Amino acid sequence: MAGETNISEKAEAKMPIMRHLREMRDRVAKSVIVLVVTTAFSFIFGEQILEILIAPAGNIDLQAIELVENLAVYFKVALAGGIILAMPFLVYQIFAFIGPALTSKERSYVYRIVPVVTIMFLGGVLFAYFIALPPALGFLLNWMSDIAAPEIRISDYVNIVTRLIISVGFVFETPIIIMFLARMGLVSPQWLARRRRIWLVLAFVISALITPTFDPINQTIIALPLIILLELSIILSRFVYKERTGQALEEV
């Protein structure tokens, strides 16, 4: 009898885990389907998207070295466009997956910030395209161009541009993520403020990883918004964390 009881208890313990795994599978499947649809939609406008990506470089002649390079680039551009278009749905699926572990008030709070996360991501994309990308490309294209004229492969150009745009888009979501962690009580404004120096170093490390150039000016263009975003995160977390602390005191 004791053995049967242990078996039943183990089965009951495994059931929630299996349900979570099935839910994760379903949400990943939905995300993949939506990403395929948005990528297919972007594929229709692949040439227009590619022209938009090339515009910050000005008059530039891109080279295709391999036979299938143009086709591969076209698919990569379509995928980048699909990721940007699918971002609201992908963010919703992430928050919806963790929703059952939250209270009803916390879930309503999470769903309200989904549009804000999307707006911040798009803001990062626009910042990368209009602010960070032109000086970075200008530096790379003009460096020693009087000695050796650059002949740029289209695949290299698209890789650098899409990586910068999408990476900065994700980085701009930092305040919302930190505010969410503060709302859950996982970080505090005091904890964040004490780690300003670490974040200053980390901001330049992140900018060095996602910026295609090694010059300090272009890296600062990326690092400076990261530092400002941290300060914004600390300010926002103070309001949210205080609200949570007040609720906790009332419950006690």
C-alpha atoms as a PDB file:
ATOM      1  CA  MET A   1       0.000   0.000   0.000  1.00  0.00           C
ATOM      2  CA  ALA A   2       2.817   2.384   0.839  1.00  0.00           C
ATOM      3  CA  GLY A   3       4.415   1.644  -2.510  1.00  0.00           C
ATOM      4  CA  GLU A   4       1.157   2.363  -4.335  1.00  0.00           C
ATOM      5  CA  THR A   5       0.800   5.647  -2.415  1.00  0.00           C
ATOM      6  CA  ASN A   6       4.302   6.731  -3.388  1.00  0.00           C
ATOM      7  CA  ILE A   7       3.604   5.895  -7.021  1.00  0.00           C
ATOM      8  CA  SER A   8       0.373   7.906  -7.022  1.00  0.00           C
ATOM      9  CA  GLU A   9       2.107  10.875  -5.367  1.00  0.00           C
ATOM     10  CA  LYS A  10       4.862  10.770  -7.974  1.00  0.00           C
ATOM     11  CA  ALA A  11       2.284  10.620 -10.759  1.00  0.00           C
ATOM     12  CA  GLU A  12       0.462  13.640  -9.330  1.00  0.00           C
ATOM     13  CA  ALA A  13       3.752  15.536  -9.074  1.00  0.00           C
ATOM     14  CA  LYS A  14       4.585  14.781 -12.687  1.00  0.00           C
ATOM     15  CA  MET A  15       1.227  15.873 -14.062  1.00  0.00           C
ATOM     16  CA  PRO A  16       1.720  19.645 -13.615  1.00  0.00           C
ATOM     17  CA  ILE A  17       5.157  19.372 -15.192  1.00  0.00           C
ATOM     18  CA  MET A  18       3.711  17.501 -18.157  1.00  0.00           C
ATOM     19  CA  ARG A  19       0.974  20.116 -18.530  1.00  0.00           C
ATOM     20  CA  HIS A  20       3.580  22.891 -18.506  1.00  0.00           C
ATOM     21  CA  LEU A  21       5.621  21.058 -21.110  1.00  0.00           C
ATOM     22  CA  ARG A  22       2.569  20.570 -23.325  1.00  0.00           C
ATOM     23  CA  GLU A  23       1.628  24.222 -22.935  1.00  0.00           C
ATOM     24  CA  MET A  24       5.171  25.273 -23.801  1.00  0.00           C
ATOM     25  CA  ARG A  25       5.072  23.006 -26.855  1.00  0.00           C
ATOM     26  CA  ASP A  26       1.770  24.485 -27.993  1.00  0.00           C
ATOM     27  CA  ARG A  27       2.950  28.072 -27.549  1.00  0.00           C
ATOM     28  CA  VAL A  28       6.217  27.385 -29.343  1.00  0.00           C
ATOM     29  CA  ALA A  29       4.255  25.783 -32.186  1.00  0.00           C
ATOM     30  CA  LYS A  30       1.944  28.798 -32.411  1.00  0.00           C
ATOM     31  CA  SER A  31       4.918  31.151 -32.384  1.00  0.00           C
ATOM     32  CA  VAL A  32       6.595  29.210 -35.174  1.00  0.00           C
ATOM     33  CA  ILE A  33       3.407  29.262 -37.260  1.00  0.00           C
ATOM     34  CA  VAL A  34       2.998  33.023 -36.819  1.00  0.00           C
ATOM     35  CA  LEU A  35       6.679  33.562 -37.597  1.00  0.00           C
ATOM     36  CA  VAL A  36       6.308  31.520 -40.793  1.00  0.00           C
ATOM     37  CA  VAL A  37       3.280  33.616 -41.805  1.00  0.00           C
ATOM     38  CA  THR A  38       4.982  36.954 -41.111  1.00  0.00           C
ATOM     39  CA  THR A  39       8.147  35.771 -42.866  1.00  0.00           C
ATOM     40  CA  ALA A  40       6.107  34.735 -45.898  1.00  0.00           C
ATOM     41  CA  PHE A  41       4.444  38.152 -45.903  1.00  0.00           C
ATOM     42  CA  SER A  42       7.852  39.838 -45.683  1.00  0.00           C
ATOM     43  CA  PHE A  43       9.073  37.607 -48.501  1.00  0.00           C
ATOM     44  CA  ILE A  44       6.596  39.318 -50.824  1.00  0.00           C
ATOM     45  CA  PHE A  45       8.232  42.661 -50.098  1.00  0.00           C
ATOM     46  CA  GLY A  46      11.785  41.348 -49.862  1.00  0.00           C
ATOM     47  CA  GLU A  47      13.219  43.689 -52.482  1.00  0.00           C
ATOM     48  CA  GLN A  48      11.624  46.744 -50.895  1.00  0.00           C
ATOM     49  CA  ILE A  49      12.934  45.740 -47.449  1.00  0.00           C
ATOM     50  CA  LEU A  50      16.396  45.200 -48.882  1.00  0.00           C
ATOM     51  CA  GLU A  51      16.334  48.650 -50.475  1.00  0.00           C
ATOM     52  CA  ILE A  52      15.402  50.134 -47.100  1.00  0.00           C
ATOM     53  CA  LEU A  53      18.340  48.347 -45.456  1.00  0.00           C
ATOM     54  CA  ILE A  54      20.766  49.560 -48.142  1.00  0.00           C
ATOM     55  CA  ALA A  55      19.564  53.189 -48.036  1.00  0.00           C
ATOM     56  CA  PRO A  56      21.713  54.287 -45.027  1.00  0.00           C
ATOM     57  CA  ALA A  57      24.866  53.269 -46.933  1.00  0.00           C
ATOM     58  CA  GLY A  58      24.111  55.688 -49.774  1.00  0.00           C
ATOM     59  CA  ASN A  59      25.436  54.851 -53.225  1.00  0.00           C
ATOM     60  CA  ILE A  60      27.046  51.479 -52.685  1.00  0.00           C
ATOM     61  CA  ASP A  61      27.662  48.607 -55.089  1.00  0.00           C
ATOM     62  CA  LEU A  62      27.127  45.298 -53.343  1.00  0.00           C
ATOM     63  CA  GLN A  63      28.675  42.111 -54.674  1.00  0.00           C
ATOM     64  CA  ALA A  64      27.264  38.590 -54.793  1.00  0.00           C
ATOM     65  CA  ILE A  65      30.160  36.122 -54.863  1.00  0.00           C
ATOM     66  CA  GLU A  66      28.358  32.815 -54.554  1.00  0.00           C
ATOM     67  CA  LEU A  67      25.704  31.483 -56.917  1.00  0.00           C
ATOM     68  CA  VAL A  68      22.953  31.275 -54.304  1.00  0.00           C
ATOM     69  CA  GLU A  69      24.056  34.308 -52.281  1.00  0.00           C
ATOM     70  CA  ASN A  70      21.314  36.630 -53.537  1.00  0.00           C
ATOM     71  CA  LEU A  71      18.669  34.014 -52.787  1.00  0.00           C
ATOM     72  CA  ALA A  72      20.059  33.366 -49.302  1.00  0.00           C
ATOM     73  CA  VAL A  73      20.118  37.091 -48.572  1.00  0.00           C
ATOM     74  CA  TYR A  74      16.536  37.448 -49.775  1.00  0.00           C
ATOM     75  CA  PHE A  75      15.393  34.744 -47.345  1.00  0.00           C
ATOM     76  CA  LYS A  76      17.413  36.295 -44.517  1.00  0.00           C
ATOM     77  CA  VAL A  77      15.844  39.708 -45.119  1.00  0.00           C
ATOM     78  CA  ALA A  78      12.388  38.112 -45.142  1.00  0.00           C
ATOM     79  CA  LEU A  79      13.138  36.350 -41.854  1.00  0.00           C
ATOM     80  CA  ALA A  80      14.312  39.591 -40.235  1.00  0.00           C
ATOM     81  CA  GLY A  81      11.119  41.303 -41.349  1.00  0.00           C
ATOM     82  CA  GLY A  82       9.090  38.356 -40.085  1.00  0.00           C
ATOM     83  CA  ILE A  83      10.695  38.569 -36.639  1.00  0.00           C
ATOM     84  CA  ILE A  84       9.898  42.269 -36.357  1.00  0.00           C
ATOM     85  CA  LEU A  85       6.299  41.784 -37.473  1.00  0.00           C
ATOM     86  CA  ALA A  86       5.768  38.759 -35.206  1.00  0.00           C
ATOM     87  CA  MET A  87       7.296  40.413 -32.141  1.00  0.00           C
ATOM     88  CA  PRO A  88       3.969  41.437 -30.482  1.00  0.00           C
ATOM     89  CA  PHE A  89       2.646  37.877 -30.733  1.00  0.00           C
ATOM     90  CA  LEU A  90       5.931  36.342 -29.560  1.00  0.00           C
ATOM     91  CA  VAL A  91       6.032  38.621 -26.526  1.00  0.00           C
ATOM     92  CA  TYR A  92       2.421  37.777 -25.711  1.00  0.00           C
ATOM     93  CA  GLN A  93       3.166  34.044 -25.846  1.00  0.00           C
ATOM     94  CA  ILE A  94       6.066  34.437 -23.427  1.00  0.00           C
ATOM     95  CA  PHE A  95       3.977  36.338 -20.905  1.00  0.00           C
ATOM     96  CA  ALA A  96       0.991  34.038 -21.395  1.00  0.00           C
ATOM     97  CA  PHE A  97       3.162  31.024 -20.586  1.00  0.00           C
ATOM     98  CA  ILE A  98       4.213  32.441 -17.226  1.00  0.00           C
ATOM     99  CA  GLY A  99       0.719  33.805 -16.579  1.00  0.00           C
ATOM    100  CA  PRO A 100      -0.634  30.790 -14.602  1.00  0.00           C
ATOM    101  CA  ALA A 101       2.115  31.273 -11.999  1.00  0.00           C
ATOM    102  CA  LEU A 102       0.981  34.843 -11.316  1.00  0.00           C
ATOM    103  CA  THR A 103      -1.935  36.318  -9.411  1.00  0.00           C
ATOM    104  CA  SER A 104      -4.870  37.826 -11.269  1.00  0.00           C
ATOM    105  CA  LYS A 105      -3.607  41.368 -10.589  1.00  0.00           C
ATOM    106  CA  GLU A 106      -0.132  40.451 -11.772  1.00  0.00           C
ATOM    107  CA  ARG A 107      -1.525  38.876 -14.945  1.00  0.00           C
ATOM    108  CA  SER A 108      -3.522  41.998 -15.760  1.00  0.00           C
ATOM    109  CA  TYR A 109      -0.385  44.060 -15.194  1.00  0.00           C
ATOM    110  CA  VAL A 110       1.656  41.780 -17.464  1.00  0.00           C
ATOM    111  CA  TYR A 111      -0.851  41.929 -20.315  1.00  0.00           C
ATOM    112  CA  ARG A 112      -0.918  45.726 -20.111  1.00  0.00           C
ATOM    113  CA  ILE A 113       2.819  45.986 -20.657  1.00  0.00           C
ATOM    114  CA  VAL A 114       2.842  43.744 -23.763  1.00  0.00           C
ATOM    115  CA  PRO A 115       2.054  46.714 -26.085  1.00  0.00           C
ATOM    116  CA  VAL A 116       4.734  48.754 -24.303  1.00  0.00           C
ATOM    117  CA  VAL A 117       7.299  46.004 -24.902  1.00  0.00           C
ATOM    118  CA  THR A 118       6.408  46.042 -28.597  1.00  0.00           C
ATOM    119  CA  ILE A 119       6.697  49.833 -28.780  1.00  0.00           C
ATOM    120  CA  MET A 120      10.092  49.752 -27.059  1.00  0.00           C
ATOM    121  CA  PHE A 121      11.320  47.098 -29.489  1.00  0.00           C
ATOM    122  CA  LEU A 122      10.202  49.141 -32.480  1.00  0.00           C
ATOM    123  CA  GLY A 123      11.792  52.212 -30.902  1.00  0.00           C
ATOM    124  CA  GLY A 124      15.074  50.347 -30.695  1.00  0.00           C
ATOM    125  CA  VAL A 125      14.772  49.275 -34.327  1.00  0.00           C
ATOM    126  CA  LEU A 126      14.177  52.869 -35.427  1.00  0.00           C
ATOM    127  CA  PHE A 127      17.032  54.148 -33.265  1.00  0.00           C
ATOM    128  CA  ALA A 128      19.413  51.602 -34.787  1.00  0.00           C
ATOM    129  CA  TYR A 129      18.302  52.404 -38.325  1.00  0.00           C
ATOM    130  CA  PHE A 130      18.268  56.210 -38.176  1.00  0.00           C
ATOM    131  CA  ILE A 131      20.848  56.996 -35.456  1.00  0.00           C
ATOM    132  CA  ALA A 132      23.343  54.164 -35.011  1.00  0.00           C
ATOM    133  CA  LEU A 133      23.561  52.661 -38.489  1.00  0.00           C
ATOM    134  CA  PRO A 134      24.538  55.696 -40.674  1.00  0.00           C
ATOM    135  CA  PRO A 135      27.700  56.678 -38.747  1.00  0.00           C
ATOM    136  CA  ALA A 136      28.751  53.039 -38.369  1.00  0.00           C
ATOM    137  CA  LEU A 137      28.426  52.418 -42.112  1.00  0.00           C
ATOM    138  CA  GLY A 138      30.116  55.722 -42.896  1.00  0.00           C
ATOM    139  CA  PHE A 139      33.082  54.743 -40.755  1.00  0.00           C
ATOM    140  CA  LEU A 140      33.409  51.276 -42.281  1.00  0.00           C
ATOM    141  CA  LEU A 141      33.000  52.399 -45.885  1.00  0.00           C
ATOM    142  CA  ASN A 142      35.379  55.379 -45.665  1.00  0.00           C
ATOM    143  CA  TRP A 143      38.142  53.835 -43.582  1.00  0.00           C
ATOM    144  CA  MET A 144      41.231  53.679 -45.856  1.00  0.00           C
ATOM    145  CA  SER A 145      38.978  53.877 -48.914  1.00  0.00           C
ATOM    146  CA  ASP A 146      41.599  56.060 -50.651  1.00  0.00           C
ATOM    147  CA  ILE A 147      44.037  53.159 -50.483  1.00  0.00           C
ATOM    148  CA  ALA A 148      41.687  50.253 -51.217  1.00  0.00           C
ATOM    149  CA  ALA A 149      38.162  50.709 -52.556  1.00  0.00           C
ATOM    150  CA  PRO A 150      35.809  48.450 -50.559  1.00  0.00           C
ATOM    151  CA  GLU A 151      33.892  45.768 -52.418  1.00  0.00           C
ATOM    152  CA  ILE A 152      31.170  44.646 -50.045  1.00  0.00           C
ATOM    153  CA  ARG A 153      29.457  41.290 -50.232  1.00  0.00           C
ATOM    154  CA  ILE A 154      25.719  41.639 -49.974  1.00  0.00           C
ATOM    155  CA  SER A 155      25.543  38.817 -47.428  1.00  0.00           C
ATOM    156  CA  ASP A 156      28.083  40.522 -45.134  1.00  0.00           C
ATOM    157  CA  TYR A 157      26.235  43.822 -45.381  1.00  0.00           C
ATOM    158  CA  VAL A 158      22.841  42.299 -44.587  1.00  0.00           C
ATOM    159  CA  ASN A 159      24.273  40.259 -41.688  1.00  0.00           C
ATOM    160  CA  ILE A 160      25.768  43.356 -40.058  1.00  0.00           C
ATOM    161  CA  VAL A 161      22.725  45.572 -40.581  1.00  0.00           C
ATOM    162  CA  THR A 162      20.079  43.062 -39.462  1.00  0.00           C
ATOM    163  CA  ARG A 163      22.137  42.006 -36.438  1.00  0.00           C
ATOM    164  CA  LEU A 164      22.507  45.616 -35.323  1.00  0.00           C
ATOM    165  CA  ILE A 165      18.855  46.514 -35.860  1.00  0.00           C
ATOM    166  CA  ILE A 166      17.363  43.472 -34.134  1.00  0.00           C
ATOM    167  CA  SER A 167      19.907  43.478 -31.281  1.00  0.00           C
ATOM    168  CA  VAL A 168      19.274  47.133 -30.456  1.00  0.00           C
ATOM    169  CA  GLY A 169      15.535  46.444 -30.630  1.00  0.00           C
ATOM    170  CA  PHE A 170      15.865  43.775 -27.948  1.00  0.00           C
ATOM    171  CA  VAL A 171      18.173  45.949 -25.847  1.00  0.00           C
ATOM    172  CA  PHE A 172      15.578  48.730 -25.780  1.00  0.00           C
ATOM    173  CA  GLU A 173      13.228  46.389 -23.934  1.00  0.00           C
ATOM    174  CA  THR A 174      15.518  46.514 -20.890  1.00  0.00           C
ATOM    175  CA  PRO A 175      13.380  48.994 -18.863  1.00  0.00           C
ATOM    176  CA  ILE A 176      10.227  46.919 -19.316  1.00  0.00           C
ATOM    177  CA  ILE A 177      11.991  43.677 -18.359  1.00  0.00           C
ATOM    178  CA  ILE A 178      13.565  45.234 -15.262  1.00  0.00           C
ATOM    179  CA  MET A 179      10.256  46.855 -14.316  1.00  0.00           C
ATOM    180  CA  PHE A 180       8.582  43.457 -14.624  1.00  0.00           C
ATOM    181  CA  LEU A 181      11.255  41.864 -12.396  1.00  0.00           C
ATOM    182  CA  ALA A 182      10.771  44.650  -9.853  1.00  0.00           C
ATOM    183  CA  ARG A 183       7.007  44.156  -9.959  1.00  0.00           C
ATOM    184  CA  MET A 184       7.550  40.462  -9.188  1.00  0.00           C
ATOM    185  CA  GLY A 185       9.844  41.417  -6.301  1.00  0.00           C
ATOM    186  CA  LEU A 186      12.905  39.797  -7.875  1.00  0.00           C
ATOM    187  CA  VAL A 187      14.962  43.005  -7.996  1.00  0.00           C
ATOM    188  CA  SER A 188      14.759  46.247  -6.062  1.00  0.00           C
ATOM    189  CA  PRO A 189      15.600  49.845  -7.063  1.00  0.00           C
ATOM    190  CA  GLN A 190      18.307  49.896  -4.399  1.00  0.00           C
ATOM    191  CA  TRP A 191      19.869  46.730  -5.812  1.00  0.00           C
ATOM    192  CA  LEU A 192      19.871  48.248  -9.304  1.00  0.00           C
ATOM    193  CA  ALA A 193      21.296  51.575  -8.126  1.00  0.00           C
ATOM    194  CA  ARG A 194      24.186  49.868  -6.332  1.00  0.00           C
ATOM    195  CA  ARG A 195      25.191  48.210  -9.609  1.00  0.00           C
ATOM    196  CA  ARG A 196      25.419  51.310 -11.773  1.00  0.00           C
ATOM    197  CA  ARG A 197      29.162  50.897 -12.249  1.00  0.00           C
ATOM    198  CA  ILE A 198      28.741  47.313 -13.382  1.00  0.00           C
ATOM    199  CA  TRP A 199      26.051  48.395 -15.834  1.00  0.00           C
ATOM    200  CA  LEU A 200      28.313  51.142 -17.229  1.00  0.00           C
ATOM    201  CA  VAL A 201      30.930  48.542 -18.089  1.00  0.00           C
ATOM    202  CA  LEU A 202      28.306  46.107 -19.343  1.00  0.00           C
ATOM    203  CA  ALA A 203      26.767  48.781 -21.590  1.00  0.00           C
ATOM    204  CA  PHE A 204      30.050  49.258 -23.424  1.00  0.00           C
ATOM    205  CA  VAL A 205      30.607  45.497 -23.614  1.00  0.00           C
ATOM    206  CA  ILE A 206      27.163  45.022 -25.180  1.00  0.00           C
ATOM    207  CA  SER A 207      27.734  47.908 -27.588  1.00  0.00           C
ATOM    208  CA  ALA A 208      31.080  46.410 -28.599  1.00  0.00           C
ATOM    209  CA  LEU A 209      29.382  43.075 -29.336  1.00  0.00           C
ATOM    210  CA  ILE A 210      26.541  44.417 -31.467  1.00  0.00           C
ATOM    211  CA  THR A 211      28.301  47.393 -33.092  1.00  0.00           C
ATOM    212  CA  PRO A 212      30.135  46.445 -36.304  1.00  0.00           C
ATOM    213  CA  THR A 213      32.857  49.056 -35.727  1.00  0.00           C
ATOM    214  CA  PHE A 214      35.614  49.213 -33.125  1.00  0.00           C
ATOM    215  CA  ASP A 215      35.821  52.991 -32.812  1.00  0.00           C
ATOM    216  CA  PRO A 216      34.702  54.512 -29.480  1.00  0.00           C
ATOM    217  CA  ILE A 217      32.360  57.054 -31.085  1.00  0.00           C
ATOM    218  CA  ASN A 218      30.019  54.501 -32.649  1.00  0.00           C
ATOM    219  CA  GLN A 219      30.190  52.272 -29.587  1.00  0.00           C
ATOM    220  CA  THR A 220      29.238  55.241 -27.419  1.00  0.00           C
ATOM    221  CA  ILE A 221      26.219  55.880 -29.661  1.00  0.00           C
ATOM    222  CA  ILE A 222      24.914  52.462 -28.585  1.00  0.00           C
ATOM    223  CA  ALA A 223      26.233  52.486 -25.002  1.00  0.00           C
ATOM    224  CA  LEU A 224      24.751  55.886 -24.099  1.00  0.00           C
ATOM    225  CA  PRO A 225      21.104  54.819 -24.667  1.00  0.00           C
ATOM    226  CA  LEU A 226      21.797  51.670 -22.622  1.00  0.00           C
ATOM    227  CA  ILE A 227      22.966  53.783 -19.694  1.00  0.00           C
ATOM    228  CA  ILE A 228      19.914  56.047 -20.034  1.00  0.00           C
ATOM    229  CA  LEU A 229      17.670  52.989 -20.209  1.00  0.00           C
ATOM    230  CA  LEU A 230      19.118  51.704 -16.936  1.00  0.00           C
ATOM    231  CA  GLU A 231      18.386  55.010 -15.218  1.00  0.00           C
ATOM    232  CA  LEU A 232      14.864  54.882 -16.625  1.00  0.00           C
ATOM    233  CA  SER A 233      14.565  51.316 -15.338  1.00  0.00           C
ATOM    234  CA  ILE A 234      15.570  52.409 -11.828  1.00  0.00           C
ATOM    235  CA  ILE A 235      12.999  55.229 -11.857  1.00  0.00           C
ATOM    236  CA  LEU A 236      10.200  52.979 -13.110  1.00  0.00           C
ATOM    237  CA  SER A 237      11.086  50.161 -10.725  1.00  0.00           C
ATOM    238  CA  ARG A 238      10.786  52.536  -7.766  1.00  0.00           C
ATOM    239  CA  PHE A 239       7.118  53.173  -8.522  1.00  0.00           C
ATOM    240  CA  VAL A 240       6.330  49.532  -9.236  1.00  0.00           C
ATOM    241  CA  TYR A 241       8.336  48.102  -6.350  1.00  0.00           C
ATOM    242  CA  LYS A 242       6.805  50.511  -3.853  1.00  0.00           C
ATOM    243  CA  GLU A 243       3.340  49.504  -5.033  1.00  0.00           C
ATOM    244  CA  ARG A 244       4.169  45.844  -4.517  1.00  0.00           C
ATOM    245  CA  THR A 245       5.647  46.515  -1.091  1.00  0.00           C
ATOM    246  CA  GLY A 246       2.497  48.374  -0.081  1.00  0.00           C
ATOM    247  CA  GLN A 247       0.321  45.495  -1.185  1.00  0.00           C
ATOM    248  CA  ALA A 248       2.526  43.051   0.719  1.00  0.00           C
ATOM    249  CA  LEU A 249       2.198  45.103   3.902  1.00  0.00           C
ATOM    250  CA  GLU A 250      -1.568  45.248   3.571  1.00  0.00           C
ATOM    251  CA  GLU A 251      -1.735  41.480   3.119  1.00  0.00           C
ATOM    252  CA  VAL A 252       0.373  40.991   6.276  1.00  0.00           C
END
